[in-house]
């Protein structure tokens, strides 16, 4: 965060707050560690099941913490966290604490050796650093978008919308 000069007052974090249906308790260790670096008012319990990572129905899994930057005009990250779909709070990083192996019957077997996976949302971080509204507006994509525009003769805005719709279609 310091390297990129992101304002500390706009950094928010989420942590896994537990799941009674899976008999998983809150990740208080992560919450307590986060409180050493981020104000408690900007550390929020799970926003969704995203804070417990699983690559599929079975296999390695574990609780997560996410780091977000409030990109709203009024620096109102708490409301953005509660309404994550408003686009004002951008996830820039996620840490996954791989602690369990989910069995086919849903049982979570603890791993003897635990691991941490780190995911950086590179496109979103680049958009923040370049002060862009969308990661499709990044300088690294500009040349490709211009070339497609000249070949297809459609407007750049329409092209970006078509690309976004195609990406959404393939990830849904």
N, C-alpha and C. Protein backbone atom coordinates (compact mmCIF):
# COMPACT_ATOMS: atom_id res chain seq x y z
N UNK A 1 0.82 -1.18 0.00
CA UNK A 1 0.00 0.00 0.00
C UNK A 1 0.87 1.26 0.00
N UNK A 2 1.94 1.22 0.80
CA UNK A 2 2.81 2.39 0.88
C UNK A 2 3.55 2.60 -0.43
N UNK A 3 3.99 1.52 -1.07
CA UNK A 3 4.74 1.63 -2.32
C UNK A 3 3.94 2.38 -3.38
N UNK A 4 2.63 2.13 -3.43
CA UNK A 4 1.79 2.76 -4.45
C UNK A 4 1.12 4.03 -3.95
N UNK A 5 1.43 4.42 -2.72
CA UNK A 5 0.89 5.65 -2.13
C UNK A 5 -0.64 5.65 -2.11
N UNK A 6 -1.21 4.49 -1.81
CA UNK A 6 -2.66 4.42 -1.65
C UNK A 6 -3.01 4.99 -0.28
N UNK A 7 -4.02 5.85 -0.21
CA UNK A 7 -4.35 6.48 1.08
C UNK A 7 -4.82 5.45 2.11
N UNK A 8 -4.12 5.38 3.21
CA UNK A 8 -4.43 4.44 4.28
C UNK A 8 -5.87 4.56 4.75
N UNK A 9 -6.39 5.79 4.75
CA UNK A 9 -7.76 6.01 5.24
C UNK A 9 -8.82 5.42 4.32
N UNK A 10 -8.43 5.00 3.13
CA UNK A 10 -9.38 4.42 2.17
C UNK A 10 -9.22 2.91 2.02
N UNK A 11 -8.35 2.31 2.83
CA UNK A 11 -8.15 0.87 2.78
C UNK A 11 -9.11 0.19 3.76
N UNK A 12 -9.82 -0.80 3.26
CA UNK A 12 -10.74 -1.60 4.07
C UNK A 12 -10.33 -3.06 3.98
N UNK A 13 -10.73 -3.84 4.94
CA UNK A 13 -10.44 -5.28 4.93
C UNK A 13 -11.68 -6.04 5.37
N UNK A 14 -11.79 -7.24 4.86
CA UNK A 14 -12.84 -8.15 5.31
C UNK A 14 -12.19 -9.42 5.81
N UNK A 15 -12.85 -10.10 6.72
CA UNK A 15 -12.34 -11.36 7.25
C UNK A 15 -13.51 -12.34 7.36
N UNK A 16 -13.18 -13.62 7.42
CA UNK A 16 -14.19 -14.66 7.53
C UNK A 16 -14.81 -14.62 8.92
N UNK A 17 -16.12 -14.41 8.98
CA UNK A 17 -16.79 -14.26 10.28
C UNK A 17 -17.48 -15.53 10.75
N UNK A 18 -17.19 -16.65 10.10
CA UNK A 18 -17.73 -17.93 10.54
C UNK A 18 -18.91 -18.38 9.71
N UNK A 19 -19.20 -19.67 9.83
CA UNK A 19 -20.31 -20.28 9.11
C UNK A 19 -20.85 -21.41 9.98
N UNK A 20 -21.96 -21.15 10.63
CA UNK A 20 -22.53 -22.14 11.55
C UNK A 20 -22.92 -23.42 10.82
N UNK A 21 -23.36 -23.32 9.56
CA UNK A 21 -23.79 -24.52 8.84
C UNK A 21 -22.62 -25.47 8.59
N UNK A 22 -21.40 -24.94 8.56
CA UNK A 22 -20.20 -25.78 8.38
C UNK A 22 -19.41 -25.94 9.68
N UNK A 23 -19.96 -25.44 10.77
CA UNK A 23 -19.29 -25.49 12.09
C UNK A 23 -17.92 -24.81 12.05
N UNK A 24 -17.83 -23.71 11.33
CA UNK A 24 -16.58 -22.94 11.25
C UNK A 24 -16.72 -21.66 12.06
N UNK A 25 -15.78 -21.44 12.94
CA UNK A 25 -15.83 -20.24 13.78
C UNK A 25 -15.21 -19.05 13.05
N UNK A 26 -15.43 -17.90 13.60
CA UNK A 26 -14.89 -16.65 13.06
C UNK A 26 -13.36 -16.68 13.08
N UNK A 27 -12.75 -16.09 12.06
CA UNK A 27 -11.29 -16.01 11.99
C UNK A 27 -10.82 -14.80 12.81
N UNK A 28 -10.88 -14.95 14.12
CA UNK A 28 -10.52 -13.86 15.03
C UNK A 28 -9.03 -13.54 14.96
N UNK A 29 -8.21 -14.53 14.67
CA UNK A 29 -6.76 -14.28 14.55
C UNK A 29 -6.49 -13.27 13.44
N UNK A 30 -7.13 -13.44 12.28
CA UNK A 30 -6.94 -12.48 11.19
C UNK A 30 -7.47 -11.11 11.57
N UNK A 31 -8.67 -11.08 12.16
CA UNK A 31 -9.25 -9.80 12.57
C UNK A 31 -8.32 -9.07 13.53
N UNK A 32 -7.78 -9.78 14.52
CA UNK A 32 -6.90 -9.15 15.50
C UNK A 32 -5.60 -8.67 14.87
N UNK A 33 -5.08 -9.43 13.93
CA UNK A 33 -3.85 -9.01 13.23
C UNK A 33 -4.13 -7.78 12.38
N UNK A 34 -5.25 -7.77 11.67
CA UNK A 34 -5.61 -6.61 10.85
C UNK A 34 -5.73 -5.35 11.69
N UNK A 35 -6.24 -5.48 12.91
CA UNK A 35 -6.44 -4.31 13.78
C UNK A 35 -5.13 -3.63 14.16
N UNK A 36 -4.02 -4.31 14.00
CA UNK A 36 -2.72 -3.69 14.26
C UNK A 36 -2.34 -2.71 13.15
N UNK A 37 -2.96 -2.84 11.98
CA UNK A 37 -2.56 -2.05 10.82
C UNK A 37 -3.68 -1.19 10.24
N UNK A 38 -4.91 -1.58 10.49
CA UNK A 38 -6.06 -0.87 9.92
C UNK A 38 -7.03 -0.57 11.05
N UNK A 39 -7.62 0.59 11.03
CA UNK A 39 -8.60 0.96 12.06
C UNK A 39 -9.75 -0.04 12.12
N UNK A 40 -10.19 -0.36 13.31
CA UNK A 40 -11.24 -1.36 13.52
C UNK A 40 -12.51 -1.03 12.74
N UNK A 41 -12.80 0.26 12.54
CA UNK A 41 -14.00 0.66 11.81
C UNK A 41 -13.91 0.31 10.32
N UNK A 42 -12.71 -0.01 9.85
CA UNK A 42 -12.53 -0.37 8.43
C UNK A 42 -12.23 -1.86 8.25
N UNK A 43 -12.45 -2.63 9.30
CA UNK A 43 -12.30 -4.09 9.24
C UNK A 43 -13.69 -4.67 9.44
N UNK A 44 -14.16 -5.37 8.44
CA UNK A 44 -15.55 -5.80 8.46
C UNK A 44 -15.66 -7.32 8.32
N UNK A 45 -16.66 -7.90 8.99
CA UNK A 45 -16.86 -9.34 8.87
C UNK A 45 -17.27 -9.72 7.45
N UNK A 46 -17.24 -10.98 7.17
CA UNK A 46 -17.54 -11.51 5.83
C UNK A 46 -18.65 -10.75 5.15
N UNK A 47 -18.37 -10.39 3.90
CA UNK A 47 -19.39 -9.77 3.09
C UNK A 47 -20.20 -10.85 2.36
N UNK A 48 -19.60 -12.01 2.19
CA UNK A 48 -20.25 -13.11 1.47
C UNK A 48 -19.43 -14.37 1.69
N UNK A 49 -19.82 -15.42 1.00
CA UNK A 49 -19.07 -16.67 1.10
C UNK A 49 -17.71 -16.55 0.42
N UNK A 50 -17.43 -15.42 -0.21
CA UNK A 50 -16.13 -15.19 -0.83
C UNK A 50 -15.02 -15.28 0.21
N UNK A 51 -15.35 -15.00 1.46
CA UNK A 51 -14.34 -15.01 2.51
C UNK A 51 -14.03 -16.41 3.05
N UNK A 52 -14.54 -17.43 2.37
CA UNK A 52 -14.09 -18.81 2.60
C UNK A 52 -13.88 -19.41 1.22
N UNK A 53 -12.62 -19.59 0.84
CA UNK A 53 -12.26 -19.98 -0.52
C UNK A 53 -12.28 -21.49 -0.70
N UNK A 54 -12.87 -21.91 -1.83
CA UNK A 54 -12.83 -23.31 -2.25
C UNK A 54 -12.75 -23.32 -3.77
N UNK A 55 -11.84 -24.12 -4.35
CA UNK A 55 -11.75 -24.17 -5.80
C UNK A 55 -12.86 -25.00 -6.44
N UNK A 56 -13.58 -25.75 -5.64
CA UNK A 56 -14.65 -26.61 -6.14
C UNK A 56 -15.41 -27.19 -4.97
N UNK A 57 -16.12 -28.26 -5.21
CA UNK A 57 -16.90 -28.91 -4.15
C UNK A 57 -16.01 -29.62 -3.14
N UNK A 58 -14.84 -30.10 -3.59
CA UNK A 58 -13.92 -30.81 -2.71
C UNK A 58 -12.52 -30.23 -2.89
N UNK A 59 -11.64 -30.56 -1.96
CA UNK A 59 -10.24 -30.16 -2.08
C UNK A 59 -9.84 -29.11 -1.07
N UNK A 60 -8.65 -28.53 -1.28
CA UNK A 60 -8.12 -27.55 -0.33
C UNK A 60 -9.03 -26.33 -0.23
N UNK A 61 -9.13 -25.78 0.99
CA UNK A 61 -9.99 -24.62 1.20
C UNK A 61 -9.60 -23.94 2.51
N UNK A 62 -10.14 -22.74 2.72
CA UNK A 62 -9.86 -22.05 3.96
C UNK A 62 -10.39 -20.63 3.98
N UNK A 63 -10.32 -20.00 5.15
CA UNK A 63 -10.81 -18.63 5.29
C UNK A 63 -9.91 -17.63 4.56
N UNK A 64 -10.47 -16.48 4.26
CA UNK A 64 -9.75 -15.43 3.52
C UNK A 64 -9.85 -14.10 4.24
N UNK A 65 -8.94 -13.23 3.87
CA UNK A 65 -9.11 -11.81 4.16
C UNK A 65 -8.95 -11.08 2.83
N UNK A 66 -9.75 -10.07 2.64
CA UNK A 66 -9.69 -9.27 1.42
C UNK A 66 -9.32 -7.84 1.76
N UNK A 67 -8.60 -7.21 0.85
CA UNK A 67 -8.24 -5.79 1.01
C UNK A 67 -8.89 -5.02 -0.13
N UNK A 68 -9.49 -3.89 0.22
CA UNK A 68 -10.26 -3.10 -0.72
C UNK A 68 -9.84 -1.63 -0.63
N UNK A 69 -10.01 -0.92 -1.74
CA UNK A 69 -9.79 0.52 -1.75
C UNK A 69 -11.12 1.19 -2.02
N UNK A 70 -11.47 2.14 -1.18
CA UNK A 70 -12.69 2.92 -1.36
C UNK A 70 -12.43 3.97 -2.44
N UNK A 71 -13.10 3.83 -3.58
CA UNK A 71 -12.93 4.76 -4.70
C UNK A 71 -14.10 5.72 -4.82
N UNK A 72 -14.94 5.80 -3.80
CA UNK A 72 -16.08 6.70 -3.85
C UNK A 72 -15.61 8.14 -3.66
N UNK A 73 -16.46 9.06 -4.06
CA UNK A 73 -16.13 10.48 -3.91
C UNK A 73 -16.17 10.92 -2.46
N UNK A 74 -17.00 10.27 -1.65
CA UNK A 74 -17.19 10.74 -0.27
C UNK A 74 -16.48 9.89 0.77
N UNK A 75 -15.62 8.97 0.33
CA UNK A 75 -14.84 8.13 1.26
C UNK A 75 -15.76 7.43 2.26
N UNK A 76 -16.81 6.81 1.72
CA UNK A 76 -17.81 6.14 2.56
C UNK A 76 -17.73 4.63 2.35
N UNK A 77 -16.58 4.07 2.64
CA UNK A 77 -16.32 2.66 2.38
C UNK A 77 -17.24 1.71 3.10
N UNK A 78 -17.66 2.04 4.31
CA UNK A 78 -18.50 1.11 5.06
C UNK A 78 -19.79 0.86 4.30
N UNK A 79 -20.43 1.91 3.78
CA UNK A 79 -21.64 1.71 2.99
C UNK A 79 -21.34 0.94 1.72
N UNK A 80 -20.18 1.16 1.13
CA UNK A 80 -19.80 0.43 -0.08
C UNK A 80 -19.59 -1.05 0.22
N UNK A 81 -19.02 -1.35 1.38
CA UNK A 81 -18.83 -2.76 1.75
C UNK A 81 -20.18 -3.44 1.90
N UNK A 82 -21.12 -2.73 2.47
CA UNK A 82 -22.46 -3.31 2.64
C UNK A 82 -23.17 -3.47 1.30
N UNK A 83 -22.76 -2.68 0.31
CA UNK A 83 -23.35 -2.76 -1.03
C UNK A 83 -22.21 -2.94 -2.02
N UNK A 84 -21.52 -4.08 -1.95
CA UNK A 84 -20.30 -4.33 -2.71
C UNK A 84 -20.51 -4.19 -4.22
N UNK A 85 -21.75 -4.34 -4.69
CA UNK A 85 -22.00 -4.28 -6.12
C UNK A 85 -22.02 -2.86 -6.67
N UNK A 86 -21.91 -1.84 -5.81
CA UNK A 86 -21.99 -0.48 -6.32
C UNK A 86 -20.71 -0.03 -7.03
N UNK A 87 -19.66 -0.83 -6.99
CA UNK A 87 -18.43 -0.52 -7.72
C UNK A 87 -17.54 0.51 -7.07
N UNK A 88 -17.90 1.01 -5.89
CA UNK A 88 -17.08 2.03 -5.24
C UNK A 88 -15.95 1.43 -4.43
N UNK A 89 -16.09 0.19 -4.05
CA UNK A 89 -15.06 -0.48 -3.27
C UNK A 89 -14.42 -1.53 -4.17
N UNK A 90 -13.14 -1.37 -4.44
CA UNK A 90 -12.44 -2.23 -5.39
C UNK A 90 -11.51 -3.16 -4.64
N UNK A 91 -11.67 -4.46 -4.89
CA UNK A 91 -10.79 -5.43 -4.25
C UNK A 91 -9.42 -5.37 -4.91
N UNK A 92 -8.39 -5.19 -4.09
CA UNK A 92 -7.03 -5.11 -4.64
C UNK A 92 -6.18 -6.32 -4.27
N UNK A 93 -6.58 -7.06 -3.24
CA UNK A 93 -5.77 -8.20 -2.82
C UNK A 93 -6.61 -9.13 -1.96
N UNK A 94 -6.27 -10.42 -2.00
CA UNK A 94 -6.95 -11.40 -1.15
C UNK A 94 -5.92 -12.41 -0.69
N UNK A 95 -5.97 -12.72 0.59
CA UNK A 95 -5.13 -13.77 1.17
C UNK A 95 -6.03 -14.94 1.55
N UNK A 96 -5.64 -16.14 1.13
CA UNK A 96 -6.39 -17.35 1.45
C UNK A 96 -5.54 -18.20 2.38
N UNK A 97 -6.08 -18.55 3.51
CA UNK A 97 -5.38 -19.40 4.47
C UNK A 97 -5.87 -20.84 4.26
N UNK A 98 -5.11 -21.60 3.49
CA UNK A 98 -5.49 -22.96 3.13
C UNK A 98 -5.22 -23.86 4.34
N UNK A 99 -6.28 -24.22 5.04
CA UNK A 99 -6.17 -24.98 6.29
C UNK A 99 -6.86 -26.33 6.23
N UNK A 100 -7.79 -26.50 5.29
CA UNK A 100 -8.64 -27.69 5.29
C UNK A 100 -8.64 -28.38 3.92
N UNK A 101 -9.03 -29.65 3.96
CA UNK A 101 -9.29 -30.43 2.75
C UNK A 101 -10.74 -30.89 2.85
N UNK A 102 -11.60 -30.31 2.00
CA UNK A 102 -13.03 -30.67 2.05
C UNK A 102 -13.22 -32.01 1.35
N UNK A 103 -13.82 -32.94 2.07
CA UNK A 103 -14.09 -34.27 1.55
C UNK A 103 -15.41 -34.28 0.77
N UNK A 104 -15.64 -35.33 0.01
CA UNK A 104 -16.86 -35.45 -0.80
C UNK A 104 -18.13 -35.38 0.07
N UNK A 105 -18.03 -35.83 1.31
CA UNK A 105 -19.19 -35.78 2.21
C UNK A 105 -19.33 -34.43 2.93
N UNK A 106 -18.47 -33.47 2.58
CA UNK A 106 -18.53 -32.13 3.16
C UNK A 106 -17.70 -31.94 4.41
N UNK A 107 -17.12 -33.00 4.93
CA UNK A 107 -16.29 -32.90 6.14
C UNK A 107 -15.00 -32.15 5.81
N UNK A 108 -14.61 -31.26 6.71
CA UNK A 108 -13.37 -30.50 6.55
C UNK A 108 -12.27 -31.16 7.38
N UNK A 109 -11.31 -31.75 6.70
CA UNK A 109 -10.17 -32.37 7.37
C UNK A 109 -9.06 -31.33 7.47
N UNK A 110 -8.53 -31.06 8.66
CA UNK A 110 -7.45 -30.07 8.77
C UNK A 110 -6.16 -30.60 8.14
N UNK A 111 -5.45 -29.71 7.45
CA UNK A 111 -4.13 -30.04 6.92
C UNK A 111 -3.11 -29.97 8.05
N UNK A 112 -2.09 -30.82 8.00
CA UNK A 112 -0.99 -30.70 8.97
C UNK A 112 -0.17 -29.46 8.66
N UNK A 113 0.14 -29.27 7.39
CA UNK A 113 0.88 -28.07 6.96
C UNK A 113 -0.13 -27.10 6.36
N UNK A 114 -0.09 -25.87 6.82
CA UNK A 114 -1.03 -24.86 6.32
C UNK A 114 -0.28 -23.93 5.37
N UNK A 115 -1.03 -23.37 4.41
CA UNK A 115 -0.43 -22.54 3.37
C UNK A 115 -1.21 -21.24 3.23
N UNK A 116 -0.55 -20.25 2.63
CA UNK A 116 -1.21 -18.98 2.33
C UNK A 116 -1.10 -18.74 0.84
N UNK A 117 -2.23 -18.48 0.20
CA UNK A 117 -2.26 -18.08 -1.21
C UNK A 117 -2.52 -16.58 -1.25
N UNK A 118 -1.84 -15.90 -2.14
CA UNK A 118 -2.03 -14.46 -2.29
C UNK A 118 -2.52 -14.17 -3.70
N UNK A 119 -3.60 -13.43 -3.81
CA UNK A 119 -4.11 -13.02 -5.11
C UNK A 119 -4.16 -11.51 -5.19
N UNK A 120 -3.44 -10.97 -6.16
CA UNK A 120 -3.45 -9.52 -6.40
C UNK A 120 -4.35 -9.27 -7.60
N UNK A 121 -5.29 -8.38 -7.48
CA UNK A 121 -6.17 -8.02 -8.59
C UNK A 121 -5.44 -6.96 -9.41
N UNK A 122 -4.55 -7.45 -10.27
CA UNK A 122 -3.61 -6.57 -10.99
C UNK A 122 -4.31 -5.53 -11.85
N UNK A 123 -5.36 -5.94 -12.58
CA UNK A 123 -6.05 -4.97 -13.44
C UNK A 123 -6.70 -3.86 -12.63
N UNK A 124 -7.31 -4.22 -11.51
CA UNK A 124 -7.96 -3.20 -10.67
C UNK A 124 -6.92 -2.29 -10.02
N UNK A 125 -5.82 -2.86 -9.58
CA UNK A 125 -4.75 -2.05 -8.99
C UNK A 125 -4.20 -1.08 -10.04
N UNK A 126 -3.98 -1.57 -11.26
CA UNK A 126 -3.49 -0.70 -12.33
C UNK A 126 -4.49 0.41 -12.64
N UNK A 127 -5.78 0.09 -12.66
CA UNK A 127 -6.80 1.10 -12.92
C UNK A 127 -6.79 2.18 -11.84
N UNK A 128 -6.61 1.77 -10.60
CA UNK A 128 -6.53 2.73 -9.50
C UNK A 128 -5.32 3.63 -9.68
N UNK A 129 -4.17 3.03 -9.97
CA UNK A 129 -2.94 3.81 -10.11
C UNK A 129 -2.98 4.74 -11.31
N UNK A 130 -3.68 4.33 -12.38
CA UNK A 130 -3.80 5.18 -13.57
C UNK A 130 -5.03 6.08 -13.52
N UNK A 131 -5.76 6.01 -12.39
CA UNK A 131 -6.96 6.84 -12.19
C UNK A 131 -7.98 6.63 -13.31
N UNK A 132 -8.25 5.37 -13.60
CA UNK A 132 -9.22 4.99 -14.63
C UNK A 132 -10.48 4.45 -13.97
N UNK A 133 -11.61 4.67 -14.61
CA UNK A 133 -12.89 4.17 -14.09
C UNK A 133 -13.01 2.66 -14.26
N UNK A 134 -12.38 2.13 -15.29
CA UNK A 134 -12.49 0.71 -15.60
C UNK A 134 -11.12 0.16 -15.96
N UNK A 135 -10.88 -1.10 -15.65
CA UNK A 135 -9.59 -1.67 -16.05
C UNK A 135 -9.52 -1.89 -17.55
N UNK A 136 -10.65 -1.76 -18.27
CA UNK A 136 -10.62 -1.84 -19.73
C UNK A 136 -10.06 -0.56 -20.35
N UNK A 137 -9.93 0.50 -19.56
CA UNK A 137 -9.37 1.76 -20.04
C UNK A 137 -7.87 1.86 -19.82
N UNK A 138 -7.23 0.80 -19.37
CA UNK A 138 -5.79 0.83 -19.07
C UNK A 138 -4.96 1.06 -20.32
N UNK A 139 -3.82 1.68 -20.12
CA UNK A 139 -2.92 1.95 -21.25
C UNK A 139 -2.48 0.67 -21.96
N UNK A 140 -2.35 -0.44 -21.24
CA UNK A 140 -1.90 -1.68 -21.88
C UNK A 140 -2.93 -2.24 -22.86
N UNK A 141 -4.19 -1.87 -22.70
CA UNK A 141 -5.23 -2.34 -23.63
C UNK A 141 -5.51 -1.34 -24.74
N UNK A 142 -5.06 -0.11 -24.61
CA UNK A 142 -5.42 0.95 -25.54
C UNK A 142 -5.07 0.60 -26.99
N UNK A 143 -3.87 0.08 -27.21
CA UNK A 143 -3.45 -0.24 -28.58
C UNK A 143 -4.36 -1.31 -29.19
N UNK A 144 -4.63 -2.35 -28.45
CA UNK A 144 -5.47 -3.44 -28.96
C UNK A 144 -6.88 -2.93 -29.27
N UNK A 145 -7.43 -2.14 -28.37
CA UNK A 145 -8.78 -1.60 -28.59
C UNK A 145 -8.80 -0.69 -29.81
N UNK A 146 -7.77 0.14 -29.97
CA UNK A 146 -7.70 1.01 -31.16
C UNK A 146 -7.64 0.18 -32.44
N UNK A 147 -6.85 -0.88 -32.45
CA UNK A 147 -6.73 -1.71 -33.65
C UNK A 147 -8.05 -2.39 -33.99
N UNK A 148 -8.72 -2.92 -33.00
CA UNK A 148 -10.02 -3.55 -33.24
C UNK A 148 -11.01 -2.51 -33.73
N UNK A 149 -10.94 -1.32 -33.16
CA UNK A 149 -11.82 -0.23 -33.59
C UNK A 149 -11.62 0.07 -35.07
N UNK A 150 -10.38 0.23 -35.49
CA UNK A 150 -10.11 0.58 -36.88
C UNK A 150 -10.54 -0.54 -37.83
N UNK A 151 -10.38 -1.75 -37.42
CA UNK A 151 -10.77 -2.88 -38.26
C UNK A 151 -12.29 -3.00 -38.32
N UNK A 152 -12.94 -2.82 -37.21
CA UNK A 152 -14.38 -3.06 -37.14
C UNK A 152 -15.21 -1.81 -37.38
N UNK A 153 -14.61 -0.64 -37.22
CA UNK A 153 -15.30 0.64 -37.41
C UNK A 153 -16.47 0.85 -36.44
N UNK A 154 -16.37 0.28 -35.25
CA UNK A 154 -17.39 0.57 -34.25
C UNK A 154 -16.77 1.51 -33.22
N UNK A 155 -17.60 2.17 -32.49
CA UNK A 155 -17.09 3.14 -31.53
C UNK A 155 -16.33 2.43 -30.41
N UNK A 156 -15.39 3.13 -29.83
CA UNK A 156 -14.58 2.56 -28.76
C UNK A 156 -15.44 2.20 -27.56
N UNK A 157 -16.39 3.04 -27.22
CA UNK A 157 -17.26 2.77 -26.08
C UNK A 157 -18.06 1.49 -26.32
N UNK A 158 -18.61 1.37 -27.51
CA UNK A 158 -19.39 0.17 -27.83
C UNK A 158 -18.49 -1.07 -27.81
N UNK A 159 -17.27 -0.93 -28.31
CA UNK A 159 -16.34 -2.05 -28.31
C UNK A 159 -16.03 -2.51 -26.89
N UNK A 160 -15.74 -1.56 -26.00
CA UNK A 160 -15.45 -1.91 -24.61
C UNK A 160 -16.66 -2.61 -23.99
N UNK A 161 -17.86 -2.12 -24.26
CA UNK A 161 -19.07 -2.77 -23.74
C UNK A 161 -19.22 -4.19 -24.27
N UNK A 162 -18.94 -4.38 -25.56
CA UNK A 162 -19.01 -5.73 -26.13
C UNK A 162 -17.99 -6.66 -25.48
N UNK A 163 -16.79 -6.17 -25.25
CA UNK A 163 -15.75 -6.99 -24.61
C UNK A 163 -16.19 -7.35 -23.19
N UNK A 164 -16.70 -6.37 -22.45
CA UNK A 164 -17.15 -6.63 -21.08
C UNK A 164 -18.28 -7.66 -21.05
N UNK A 165 -19.23 -7.53 -21.98
CA UNK A 165 -20.35 -8.48 -22.02
C UNK A 165 -19.85 -9.89 -22.35
N UNK A 166 -18.89 -9.99 -23.25
CA UNK A 166 -18.34 -11.30 -23.62
C UNK A 166 -17.61 -11.92 -22.44
N UNK A 167 -16.84 -11.12 -21.70
CA UNK A 167 -16.14 -11.64 -20.53
C UNK A 167 -17.12 -12.10 -19.46
N UNK A 168 -18.17 -11.34 -19.25
CA UNK A 168 -19.19 -11.72 -18.26
C UNK A 168 -19.86 -13.02 -18.68
N UNK A 169 -20.15 -13.15 -19.98
CA UNK A 169 -20.81 -14.36 -20.49
C UNK A 169 -19.94 -15.59 -20.24
N UNK A 170 -18.63 -15.45 -20.40
CA UNK A 170 -17.73 -16.59 -20.24
C UNK A 170 -17.42 -16.91 -18.78
N UNK A 171 -17.60 -15.95 -17.88
CA UNK A 171 -17.31 -16.21 -16.47
C UNK A 171 -18.55 -16.59 -15.68
N UNK A 172 -19.72 -16.41 -16.26
CA UNK A 172 -20.98 -16.72 -15.55
C UNK A 172 -21.26 -18.21 -15.54
